[in-house]
C-alpha atoms as a PDB file:
ATOM      1  CA  MET A   1      -8.989 -24.743 -26.281  1.00  0.00           C
ATOM      2  CA  VAL A   2      -9.134 -21.013 -24.615  1.00  0.00           C
ATOM      3  CA  LYS A   3      -5.627 -19.676 -22.991  1.00  0.00           C
ATOM      4  CA  ASN A   4      -5.802 -18.637 -19.307  1.00  0.00           C
ATOM      5  CA  SER A   5      -6.133 -14.748 -18.994  1.00  0.00           C
ATOM      6  CA  ARG A   6      -2.909 -13.633 -17.037  1.00  0.00           C
ATOM      7  CA  GLY A   7      -4.322 -10.524 -15.554  1.00  0.00           C
ATOM      8  CA  PHE A   8      -2.583  -8.275 -12.944  1.00  0.00           C
ATOM      9  CA  LEU A   9      -2.973 -10.516  -9.954  1.00  0.00           C
ATOM     10  CA  SER A  10      -2.695 -13.826 -11.645  1.00  0.00           C
ATOM     11  CA  GLY A  11      -0.489 -16.002  -9.448  1.00  0.00           C
ATOM     12  CA  ASN A  12      -0.025 -13.390  -6.528  1.00  0.00           C
ATOM     13  CA  THR A  13      -3.506 -13.677  -4.888  1.00  0.00           C
ATOM     14  CA  LYS A  14      -1.725 -15.645  -2.160  1.00  0.00           C
ATOM     15  CA  LYS A  15       0.254 -13.034  -1.101  1.00  0.00           C
ATOM     16  CA  LEU A  16      -2.821 -11.057  -0.353  1.00  0.00           C
ATOM     17  CA  ILE A  17      -4.312 -13.348   2.165  1.00  0.00           C
ATOM     18  CA  ARG A  18      -5.013 -11.503   5.416  1.00  0.00           C
ATOM     19  CA  ARG A  19      -4.916 -13.992   7.995  1.00  0.00           C
ATOM     20  CA  LYS A  20      -5.313 -11.034  10.765  1.00  0.00           C
ATOM     21  CA  LYS A  21      -9.037  -9.714  11.250  1.00  0.00           C
ATOM     22  CA  THR A  22      -9.510  -6.187   9.590  1.00  0.00           C
ATOM     23  CA  THR A  23     -10.335  -3.304  12.427  1.00  0.00           C
ATOM     24  CA  ILE A  24     -12.010  -0.013  11.692  1.00  0.00           C
ATOM     25  CA  ASN A  25      -8.502   1.219  13.315  1.00  0.00           C
ATOM     26  CA  ASP A  26      -6.820   0.231   9.965  1.00  0.00           C
ATOM     27  CA  VAL A  27      -9.298   1.928   7.634  1.00  0.00           C
ATOM     28  CA  LEU A  28      -9.743   5.268   9.801  1.00  0.00           C
ATOM     29  CA  ARG A  29      -5.900   5.740  10.455  1.00  0.00           C
ATOM     30  CA  SER A  30      -4.667   9.097   9.461  1.00  0.00           C
ATOM     31  CA  PHE A  31      -1.300  10.607   8.777  1.00  0.00           C
ATOM     32  CA  ASN A  32       0.208  13.952   8.773  1.00  0.00           C
ATOM     33  CA  ILE A  33       2.396  15.539   5.873  1.00  0.00           C
ATOM     34  CA  GLY A  34       6.000  14.417   6.391  1.00  0.00           C
ATOM     35  CA  ASP A  35       5.538  11.236   8.297  1.00  0.00           C
ATOM     36  CA  LYS A  36       7.398   7.984   7.379  1.00  0.00           C
ATOM     37  CA  VAL A  37       5.245   5.283   6.530  1.00  0.00           C
ATOM     38  CA  ILE A  38       5.476   1.681   5.285  1.00  0.00           C
ATOM     39  CA  ILE A  39       3.734   0.349   2.293  1.00  0.00           C
ATOM     40  CA  SER A  40       1.699  -2.761   3.322  1.00  0.00           C
ATOM     41  CA  VAL A  41      -0.464  -4.281   0.695  1.00  0.00           C
ATOM     42  CA  LYS A  42      -3.344  -5.906   2.309  1.00  0.00           C
ATOM     43  CA  SER A  43      -6.190  -7.810   0.860  1.00  0.00           C
ATOM     44  CA  GLY A  44      -8.635  -4.952   0.204  1.00  0.00           C
ATOM     45  CA  ARG A  45      -7.789  -3.861  -3.207  1.00  0.00           C
ATOM     46  CA  ASN A  46      -9.373  -0.317  -3.359  1.00  0.00           C
ATOM     47  CA  GLY A  47      -6.815   2.032  -3.162  1.00  0.00           C
ATOM     48  CA  ALA A  48      -3.872  -0.718  -2.979  1.00  0.00           C
ATOM     49  CA  PRO A  49      -0.267   0.129  -4.882  1.00  0.00           C
ATOM     50  CA  HIS A  50       1.650  -2.244  -6.986  1.00  0.00           C
ATOM     51  CA  LEU A  51       2.732  -5.277  -5.217  1.00  0.00           C
ATOM     52  CA  ARG A  52       6.251  -4.310  -5.896  1.00  0.00           C
ATOM     53  CA  TYR A  53       6.214  -1.681  -3.735  1.00  0.00           C
ATOM     54  CA  GLN A  54       4.996  -3.941  -0.883  1.00  0.00           C
ATOM     55  CA  GLY A  55       7.569  -3.240   2.421  1.00  0.00           C
ATOM     56  CA  ARG A  56       8.963  -0.057   0.897  1.00  0.00           C
ATOM     57  CA  THR A  57       9.536   3.154   3.280  1.00  0.00           C
ATOM     58  CA  GLY A  58       8.081   6.683   1.761  1.00  0.00           C
ATOM     59  CA  VAL A  59       7.182   9.914   3.130  1.00  0.00           C
ATOM     60  CA  VAL A  60       3.727  11.250   2.965  1.00  0.00           C
ATOM     61  CA  HIS A  61       3.409  14.346   0.705  1.00  0.00           C
ATOM     62  CA  GLU A  62      -0.212  15.296   0.325  1.00  0.00           C
ATOM     63  CA  LYS A  63      -3.876  13.793   1.089  1.00  0.00           C
ATOM     64  CA  ARG A  64      -5.668  13.322  -2.131  1.00  0.00           C
ATOM     65  CA  GLY A  65      -9.398  12.373  -0.996  1.00  0.00           C
ATOM     66  CA  ASP A  66      -9.235   9.231   0.841  1.00  0.00           C
ATOM     67  CA  GLY A  67      -5.769   8.174   0.141  1.00  0.00           C
ATOM     68  CA  TYR A  68      -1.995   9.751   0.624  1.00  0.00           C
ATOM     69  CA  LEU A  69       0.441  10.203  -1.976  1.00  0.00           C
ATOM     70  CA  VAL A  70       3.631   8.732  -0.700  1.00  0.00           C
ATOM     71  CA  SER A  71       7.111   9.044  -2.183  1.00  0.00           C
ATOM     72  CA  VAL A  72       9.097   6.155  -2.622  1.00  0.00           C
ATOM     73  CA  LYS A  73      12.875   5.796  -3.420  1.00  0.00           C
ATOM     74  CA  ASP A  74      13.276   3.272  -6.298  1.00  0.00           C
ATOM     75  CA  GLY A  75      17.031   2.896  -7.502  1.00  0.00           C
ATOM     76  CA  ASN A  76      18.091   6.430  -8.285  1.00  0.00           C
ATOM     77  CA  SER A  77      14.668   7.684  -9.250  1.00  0.00           C
ATOM     78  CA  VAL A  78      11.760   8.815  -6.664  1.00  0.00           C
ATOM     79  CA  LYS A  79       8.303   7.601  -7.350  1.00  0.00           C
ATOM     80  CA  SER A  80       4.886   8.855  -5.930  1.00  0.00           C
ATOM     81  CA  ILE A  81       2.330   6.330  -5.034  1.00  0.00           C
ATOM     82  CA  LEU A  82      -0.985   6.705  -4.221  1.00  0.00           C
ATOM     83  CA  ALA A  83      -2.417   4.627  -1.450  1.00  0.00           C
ATOM     84  CA  THR A  84      -5.132   4.686   0.880  1.00  0.00           C
ATOM     85  CA  ALA A  85      -4.432   4.516   4.695  1.00  0.00           C
ATOM     86  CA  TYR A  86      -5.512   0.652   4.919  1.00  0.00           C
ATOM     87  CA  HIS A  87      -2.318  -0.220   3.081  1.00  0.00           C
ATOM     88  CA  LEU A  88      -0.031   1.916   5.041  1.00  0.00           C
ATOM     89  CA  LYS A  89       1.709   1.994   8.156  1.00  0.00           C
ATOM     90  CA  ASN A  90       3.407   4.283  10.487  1.00  0.00           C
ATOM     91  CA  ALA A  91       7.200   3.574  10.220  1.00  0.00           C
ATOM     92  CA  ALA A  92       7.609   4.673  13.969  1.00  0.00           C
ATOM     93  CA  HIS A  93       5.650   1.284  15.312  1.00  0.00           C
ATOM     94  CA  LYS A  94       7.479  -1.331  12.989  1.00  0.00           C
ATOM     95  CA  LYS A  95       5.327  -4.306  13.268  1.00  0.00           C
END
């Protein structure tokens, strides 16, 4: 018998089920440098940060291609996360 693989999303795909329809505004949303954003990992895997950063709040530092570099405080250290706008929400509109 062959053992099942334990890949990156093994056992975590239920967390990524999107019950709301994806709109064009989700994809085309833009942020300015210095904006506070909430990391919200959604079902599309392109440009998605790691699931451990789900719900974390960070600050946009720069735009890189289609994505944004977001700094997130993780304990005593600051981590830099690269994510597309689809996986980010404006912290001013906490919904």
